[in-house]
Structure formats: structure tokens, C-alpha cells
Amino acid sequence: MDIRTGNIICSCKIYGDSVEYIEWSPNSRYIAVVGKDQSKNKNVMEVWHVKRAEKIFVYNFDLFEPTSLAWSPDSKHVAYCDTKLVRVWEINDL
């Protein structure tokens, strides 16, 4: 939300039943979100381009308990950790 005007700058419809983690990229261009879909026994990670309010990356994976989500300092990579392993993706501004 733009606090001067009250206008929402981005609204993202997130997949799944709940949001487990949300993290801004250091360059403020992206938001990474991890959600759970209990009915399909899956997690999903989505990366959104904030200014365009556009989903630019989606990854579905088996449901293990998420433990963290983090961006690299240059905002080019995002990492997700669950109870089994760490996954790292390169994020390109499409």
C-alpha cells in the first residue's frame, strides 16, 4: 500500500491453504511466498514481481515442514529449507 494515497501496490493470490513464509528480496523487486496445500500434501513456493503484481516463478514440492526462506544479497537467488533439504533457485527478472 502506498501510505500517501492508500492505494494497494500489489495484491497476490497465493496458492494453497496457508502462507508459511513470506520474504522480501533485498532489492525490493520481489516477494517470495511458501504456502501449504494440505489436501494435495504439497508445498508451493511462488515468487512475485511486486511492481507488475505478476507471478514469475512457481515450484510445487512434497509436503515437509518448511523451516526457512531466504534471498541472496544480490536478489538473484532464493533458498527454501524444509526438514529434509535446502533448495536454491536462480530468479531471473522475466
C-alpha atoms as a PDB file:
ATOM      1  CA  MET A   1       0.000   0.000   0.000  1.00  0.00           C
ATOM      2  CA  ASP A   2       1.228   3.470  -0.856  1.00  0.00           C
ATOM      3  CA  ILE A   3       0.868   5.209   2.510  1.00  0.00           C
ATOM      4  CA  ARG A   4       0.466   8.621   0.878  1.00  0.00           C
ATOM      5  CA  THR A   5      -2.500   7.616  -1.281  1.00  0.00           C
ATOM      6  CA  GLY A   6      -3.785   4.439   0.368  1.00  0.00           C
ATOM      7  CA  ASN A   7      -3.529   2.609  -2.976  1.00  0.00           C
ATOM      8  CA  ILE A   8      -2.514  -1.052  -2.884  1.00  0.00           C
ATOM      9  CA  ILE A   9       0.638  -1.504  -4.993  1.00  0.00           C
ATOM     10  CA  CYS A  10       0.451  -5.292  -5.247  1.00  0.00           C
ATOM     11  CA  SER A  11      -2.104  -7.947  -4.420  1.00  0.00           C
ATOM     12  CA  CYS A  12      -1.063 -11.579  -4.821  1.00  0.00           C
ATOM     13  CA  LYS A  13      -3.467 -14.520  -4.746  1.00  0.00           C
ATOM     14  CA  ILE A  14      -1.436 -17.203  -3.022  1.00  0.00           C
ATOM     15  CA  TYR A  15      -1.867 -20.905  -3.798  1.00  0.00           C
ATOM     16  CA  GLY A  16      -2.771 -23.358  -1.042  1.00  0.00           C
ATOM     17  CA  ASP A  17      -4.386 -23.351   2.371  1.00  0.00           C
ATOM     18  CA  SER A  18      -1.965 -21.158   4.260  1.00  0.00           C
ATOM     19  CA  VAL A  19       1.080 -18.950   3.929  1.00  0.00           C
ATOM     20  CA  GLU A  20       4.015 -20.351   5.875  1.00  0.00           C
ATOM     21  CA  TYR A  21       6.745 -17.853   4.928  1.00  0.00           C
ATOM     22  CA  ILE A  22       6.992 -14.568   3.087  1.00  0.00           C
ATOM     23  CA  GLU A  23      10.219 -12.731   2.353  1.00  0.00           C
ATOM     24  CA  TRP A  24      11.103  -9.511   0.501  1.00  0.00           C
ATOM     25  CA  SER A  25      14.103  -9.611  -1.808  1.00  0.00           C
ATOM     26  CA  PRO A  26      16.931  -7.220  -0.819  1.00  0.00           C
ATOM     27  CA  ASN A  27      16.348  -5.136  -3.973  1.00  0.00           C
ATOM     28  CA  SER A  28      12.612  -4.836  -3.102  1.00  0.00           C
ATOM     29  CA  ARG A  29      11.531  -6.070  -6.548  1.00  0.00           C
ATOM     30  CA  TYR A  30      10.232  -9.474  -5.444  1.00  0.00           C
ATOM     31  CA  ILE A  31       8.282 -11.251  -2.749  1.00  0.00           C
ATOM     32  CA  ALA A  32       8.824 -14.981  -2.195  1.00  0.00           C
ATOM     33  CA  VAL A  33       5.994 -16.912  -0.543  1.00  0.00           C
ATOM     34  CA  VAL A  34       5.761 -20.513   0.652  1.00  0.00           C
ATOM     35  CA  GLY A  35       2.275 -21.934   1.100  1.00  0.00           C
ATOM     36  CA  LYS A  36       0.809 -25.310   2.054  1.00  0.00           C
ATOM     37  CA  ASP A  37      -1.918 -27.272   0.336  1.00  0.00           C
ATOM     38  CA  GLN A  38      -2.865 -29.956   2.868  1.00  0.00           C
ATOM     39  CA  SER A  39      -5.429 -31.610   0.581  1.00  0.00           C
ATOM     40  CA  LYS A  40      -2.741 -32.389  -2.040  1.00  0.00           C
ATOM     41  CA  ASN A  41       0.029 -32.935   0.516  1.00  0.00           C
ATOM     42  CA  LYS A  42       2.186 -30.338  -1.267  1.00  0.00           C
ATOM     43  CA  ASN A  43       4.008 -27.089  -0.616  1.00  0.00           C
ATOM     44  CA  VAL A  44       4.363 -24.396  -3.220  1.00  0.00           C
ATOM     45  CA  MET A  45       6.858 -21.564  -3.483  1.00  0.00           C
ATOM     46  CA  GLU A  46       5.897 -18.554  -5.560  1.00  0.00           C
ATOM     47  CA  VAL A  47       7.959 -15.500  -6.450  1.00  0.00           C
ATOM     48  CA  TRP A  48       6.071 -12.335  -7.356  1.00  0.00           C
ATOM     49  CA  HIS A  49       7.346  -9.237  -9.148  1.00  0.00           C
ATOM     50  CA  VAL A  50       5.904  -6.524  -6.917  1.00  0.00           C
ATOM     51  CA  LYS A  51       5.569  -3.586  -9.354  1.00  0.00           C
ATOM     52  CA  ARG A  52       3.922  -5.754 -12.015  1.00  0.00           C
ATOM     53  CA  ALA A  53       1.887  -7.787  -9.473  1.00  0.00           C
ATOM     54  CA  GLU A  54       2.939 -10.790 -11.551  1.00  0.00           C
ATOM     55  CA  LYS A  55       3.881 -14.310 -10.513  1.00  0.00           C
ATOM     56  CA  ILE A  56       7.247 -15.029 -12.174  1.00  0.00           C
ATOM     57  CA  PHE A  57       8.176 -18.353 -10.579  1.00  0.00           C
ATOM     58  CA  VAL A  58       6.282 -21.343  -9.150  1.00  0.00           C
ATOM     59  CA  TYR A  59       7.634 -24.569  -7.726  1.00  0.00           C
ATOM     60  CA  ASN A  60       5.496 -27.373  -6.235  1.00  0.00           C
ATOM     61  CA  PHE A  61       7.101 -29.932  -3.969  1.00  0.00           C
ATOM     62  CA  ASP A  62       6.309 -32.612  -1.405  1.00  0.00           C
ATOM     63  CA  LEU A  63       4.987 -31.547   1.939  1.00  0.00           C
ATOM     64  CA  PHE A  64       7.719 -31.425   4.534  1.00  0.00           C
ATOM     65  CA  GLU A  65       7.629 -28.904   7.345  1.00  0.00           C
ATOM     66  CA  PRO A  66       9.088 -25.626   5.989  1.00  0.00           C
ATOM     67  CA  THR A  67      11.738 -24.090   8.230  1.00  0.00           C
ATOM     68  CA  SER A  68      13.004 -21.003   6.391  1.00  0.00           C
ATOM     69  CA  LEU A  69      13.061 -18.888   3.248  1.00  0.00           C
ATOM     70  CA  ALA A  70      15.901 -16.509   2.323  1.00  0.00           C
ATOM     71  CA  TRP A  71      17.206 -14.336  -0.518  1.00  0.00           C
ATOM     72  CA  SER A  72      20.805 -13.928  -1.616  1.00  0.00           C
ATOM     73  CA  PRO A  73      22.168 -10.392  -1.033  1.00  0.00           C
ATOM     74  CA  ASP A  74      22.023  -9.648  -4.796  1.00  0.00           C
ATOM     75  CA  SER A  75      18.384 -10.871  -5.092  1.00  0.00           C
ATOM     76  CA  LYS A  76      19.358 -13.342  -7.832  1.00  0.00           C
ATOM     77  CA  HIS A  77      18.737 -16.493  -5.790  1.00  0.00           C
ATOM     78  CA  VAL A  78      16.135 -17.618  -3.304  1.00  0.00           C
ATOM     79  CA  ALA A  79      16.556 -20.561  -0.944  1.00  0.00           C
ATOM     80  CA  TYR A  80      13.919 -22.662   0.786  1.00  0.00           C
ATOM     81  CA  CYS A  81      14.644 -25.094   3.596  1.00  0.00           C
ATOM     82  CA  ASP A  82      12.407 -27.817   4.974  1.00  0.00           C
ATOM     83  CA  THR A  83      13.055 -30.678   7.384  1.00  0.00           C
ATOM     84  CA  LYS A  84      14.673 -32.764   4.621  1.00  0.00           C
ATOM     85  CA  LEU A  85      16.789 -30.460   2.424  1.00  0.00           C
ATOM     86  CA  VAL A  86      17.638 -26.994   1.125  1.00  0.00           C
ATOM     87  CA  ARG A  87      16.625 -25.908  -2.372  1.00  0.00           C
ATOM     88  CA  VAL A  88      18.125 -22.886  -4.185  1.00  0.00           C
ATOM     89  CA  TRP A  89      16.742 -21.301  -7.366  1.00  0.00           C
ATOM     90  CA  GLU A  90      18.054 -18.617  -9.643  1.00  0.00           C
ATOM     91  CA  ILE A  91      15.464 -15.908 -10.180  1.00  0.00           C
ATOM     92  CA  ASN A  92      15.586 -14.010 -13.455  1.00  0.00           C
ATOM     93  CA  ASP A  93      13.504 -10.903 -13.969  1.00  0.00           C
ATOM     94  CA  LEU A  94      11.452 -12.037 -16.943  1.00  0.00           C
END
